[in-house]
Amino acid sequence: MNPYATMTREELERALADFAKNWLAHDGSWFLALEERYGLETAIELDAAAWARFAPVEAARIVKTYQLPPRGGLETLARALSLRMYSVLNPQRAEWSADRSELVFTMDGCRVQEARRRKRLPDFPCKPVGLVEFSSFARTIDERIVTRCVHCPPENPEGAFCRWAFTLGTAPAPR
């Protein structure tokens, strides 16, 4: 019997949060094991390679599950970002430029950085991994989307943990 089939909405929401926490705990445990064994630089390199594989899978599943339009531009990206596993755990927001030509996505809270701080570890310099993660996620939503890092730890001048900007460029040439 599937125990989730009889759960209330509140129980399902708790289960979803638990799944997200477990997913993130596994990701963090894997990264820390790499960092301890091979050092931060190699751990970042391998983490970026893993995100290059995972982020498109996550994006494609979101598109399929929520029937988002193909090549839906920044509007579809905004919706997809709100449906990522992170959204259950990290306070985040998406804001539009005045002319709606740029979407700015901000993580106001970050369980990864908060956990590192609790363990008295330095902030994870997430820009190299984030560029791979957010770029490949966004390009899976719409290959025309261009991703730019506004800031990431250890630099977070505006108090937010990280901030990413997305614009719509031209589609890459066919191969």
Protein backbone atom coordinates (compact mmCIF):
# COMPACT_ATOMS: atom_id res chain seq x y z
CA MET A 1 0.00 0.00 0.00
CA ASN A 2 1.20 3.49 -0.82
CA PRO A 3 1.24 5.46 2.45
CA TYR A 4 1.11 8.77 0.56
CA ALA A 5 -2.24 7.94 -1.04
CA THR A 6 -4.09 8.46 2.23
CA MET A 7 -2.17 11.47 3.56
CA THR A 8 -3.76 14.83 4.17
CA ARG A 9 -2.50 17.89 2.32
CA GLU A 10 -0.52 18.94 5.40
CA GLU A 11 1.10 15.50 5.65
CA LEU A 12 1.98 15.57 1.95
CA GLU A 13 3.52 19.03 2.35
CA ARG A 14 5.63 17.75 5.25
CA ALA A 15 6.66 14.75 3.14
CA LEU A 16 7.63 17.02 0.24
CA ALA A 17 9.75 19.17 2.57
CA ASP A 18 11.34 16.02 3.98
CA PHE A 19 12.13 14.69 0.50
CA ALA A 20 13.70 18.02 -0.44
CA LYS A 21 15.77 18.10 2.76
CA ASN A 22 16.93 14.52 2.21
CA TRP A 23 17.84 15.29 -1.41
CA LEU A 24 19.86 18.32 -0.33
CA ALA A 25 21.47 16.46 2.59
CA HIS A 26 22.61 13.76 0.17
CA ASP A 27 23.98 16.35 -2.25
CA GLY A 28 25.82 18.08 0.59
CA SER A 29 27.15 14.82 2.06
CA TRP A 30 28.45 13.78 -1.35
CA PHE A 31 30.12 17.16 -1.83
CA LEU A 32 31.72 17.16 1.64
CA ALA A 33 33.08 13.65 1.06
CA LEU A 34 34.64 14.84 -2.20
CA GLU A 35 36.01 17.98 -0.56
CA GLU A 36 37.57 16.00 2.31
CA ARG A 37 39.16 13.45 -0.03
CA TYR A 38 40.22 15.58 -3.01
CA GLY A 39 40.10 19.21 -1.88
CA LEU A 40 37.73 22.04 -2.67
CA GLU A 41 38.88 22.69 -6.25
CA THR A 42 38.33 19.10 -7.41
CA ALA A 43 35.06 18.85 -5.48
CA ILE A 44 33.78 21.96 -7.26
CA GLU A 45 34.85 20.56 -10.64
CA LEU A 46 33.02 17.27 -10.01
CA ASP A 47 30.00 19.04 -8.53
CA ALA A 48 29.72 21.19 -11.66
CA ALA A 49 29.87 18.04 -13.81
CA ALA A 50 27.09 16.46 -11.76
CA TRP A 51 24.90 19.59 -12.03
CA ALA A 52 25.50 19.70 -15.79
CA ARG A 53 23.76 16.32 -15.88
CA PHE A 54 21.12 16.85 -13.20
CA ALA A 55 19.82 20.38 -13.91
CA PRO A 56 18.57 19.55 -17.44
CA VAL A 57 16.86 16.42 -16.12
CA GLU A 58 15.14 18.42 -13.39
CA ALA A 59 14.09 21.11 -15.88
CA ALA A 60 12.77 18.58 -18.40
CA ARG A 61 10.75 16.81 -15.70
CA ILE A 62 9.26 20.10 -14.54
CA VAL A 63 8.33 21.00 -18.14
CA LYS A 64 6.69 17.61 -18.65
CA THR A 65 4.96 17.34 -15.26
CA TYR A 66 3.50 20.86 -15.34
CA GLN A 67 2.98 20.95 -19.11
CA LEU A 68 4.99 24.12 -19.56
CA PRO A 69 5.23 25.41 -23.12
CA PRO A 70 8.37 24.64 -25.12
CA ARG A 71 10.55 27.69 -25.78
CA GLY A 72 8.33 29.61 -23.37
CA GLY A 73 10.98 32.20 -22.65
CA LEU A 74 11.54 33.93 -19.36
CA GLU A 75 7.93 33.53 -18.22
CA THR A 76 8.27 29.75 -18.41
CA LEU A 77 11.65 29.93 -16.70
CA ALA A 78 10.15 31.93 -13.82
CA ARG A 79 7.49 29.25 -13.34
CA ALA A 80 10.02 26.41 -13.61
CA LEU A 81 12.36 28.02 -11.07
CA SER A 82 9.47 28.19 -8.61
CA LEU A 83 8.95 24.43 -8.99
CA ARG A 84 12.52 23.28 -8.30
CA MET A 85 13.34 21.26 -5.19
CA TYR A 86 15.12 24.32 -3.81
CA SER A 87 11.86 26.24 -3.71
CA VAL A 88 10.59 24.05 -0.87
CA LEU A 89 13.66 24.83 1.26
CA ASN A 90 15.21 28.17 0.35
CA PRO A 91 13.36 31.46 0.48
CA GLN A 92 13.62 32.79 -3.06
CA ARG A 93 12.06 35.32 -5.39
CA ALA A 94 11.96 36.22 -9.05
CA GLU A 95 11.63 39.84 -10.13
CA TRP A 96 11.25 41.43 -13.53
CA SER A 97 13.05 44.44 -14.94
CA ALA A 98 10.75 47.35 -15.77
CA ASP A 99 10.56 46.35 -19.45
CA ARG A 100 10.32 42.60 -18.59
CA SER A 101 13.44 41.89 -20.65
CA GLU A 102 15.34 40.50 -17.67
CA LEU A 103 14.33 38.08 -14.92
CA VAL A 104 16.34 38.35 -11.72
CA PHE A 105 16.23 35.32 -9.45
CA THR A 106 17.38 35.69 -5.84
CA MET A 107 18.02 33.11 -3.14
CA ASP A 108 17.34 34.98 0.08
CA GLY A 109 18.17 31.90 2.13
CA CYS A 110 20.47 28.99 1.40
CA ARG A 111 20.47 25.81 3.44
CA VAL A 112 23.82 24.80 1.91
CA GLN A 113 25.60 27.94 3.07
CA GLU A 114 23.78 27.95 6.40
CA ALA A 115 24.86 24.34 7.06
CA ARG A 116 28.47 25.17 6.19
CA ARG A 117 28.38 28.12 8.57
CA ARG A 118 26.97 25.92 11.36
CA LYS A 119 29.90 23.54 10.79
CA ARG A 120 32.28 26.53 10.87
CA LEU A 121 33.26 25.93 7.26
CA PRO A 122 33.88 28.81 4.87
CA ASP A 123 31.11 29.77 2.45
CA PHE A 124 30.97 27.54 -0.58
CA PRO A 125 32.18 29.58 -3.58
CA CYS A 126 29.20 28.54 -5.68
CA LYS A 127 29.60 30.70 -8.78
CA PRO A 128 31.34 28.07 -10.98
CA VAL A 129 28.82 25.39 -10.06
CA GLY A 130 25.89 27.82 -10.17
CA LEU A 131 26.79 28.98 -13.66
CA VAL A 132 26.65 25.39 -14.88
CA GLU A 133 23.51 24.58 -12.89
CA PHE A 134 21.44 27.67 -13.71
CA SER A 135 22.62 27.92 -17.32
CA SER A 136 21.85 24.30 -18.14
CA PHE A 137 18.50 24.47 -16.31
CA ALA A 138 17.51 27.66 -18.15
CA ARG A 139 18.68 26.41 -21.57
CA THR A 140 16.60 23.27 -21.11
CA ILE A 141 13.55 25.49 -20.56
CA ASP A 142 14.43 27.59 -23.61
CA GLU A 143 17.76 27.37 -25.44
CA ARG A 144 17.70 31.12 -26.06
CA ILE A 145 18.02 32.01 -22.37
CA VAL A 146 21.31 33.59 -21.32
CA THR A 147 22.34 33.32 -17.65
CA ARG A 148 24.50 35.78 -15.73
CA CYS A 149 25.65 35.63 -12.13
CA VAL A 150 24.95 38.91 -10.33
CA HIS A 151 26.65 37.67 -7.16
CA CYS A 152 27.35 34.50 -5.20
CA PRO A 153 29.06 33.63 -1.93
CA PRO A 154 31.52 34.41 -0.67
CA GLU A 155 30.44 37.77 -2.11
CA ASN A 156 26.86 38.64 -1.20
CA PRO A 157 26.85 42.42 -0.97
CA GLU A 158 23.09 42.79 -0.97
CA GLY A 159 22.44 40.35 1.86
CA ALA A 160 20.95 37.70 -0.42
CA PHE A 161 22.91 34.51 -0.82
CA CYS A 162 22.97 34.51 -4.59
CA ARG A 163 21.38 36.39 -7.43
CA TRP A 164 21.09 35.36 -11.09
CA ALA A 165 19.89 37.33 -14.10
CA PHE A 166 18.31 35.78 -17.17
CA THR A 167 17.70 37.37 -20.54
CA LEU A 168 16.43 36.05 -23.82
CA GLY A 169 19.11 35.93 -26.50
CA THR A 170 19.10 34.31 -29.88
CA ALA A 171 18.93 30.58 -30.34
CA PRO A 172 22.27 28.86 -30.90
CA ALA A 173 23.04 27.75 -34.45
CA PRO A 174 22.00 24.16 -35.20
CA ARG A 175 24.79 21.60 -35.13
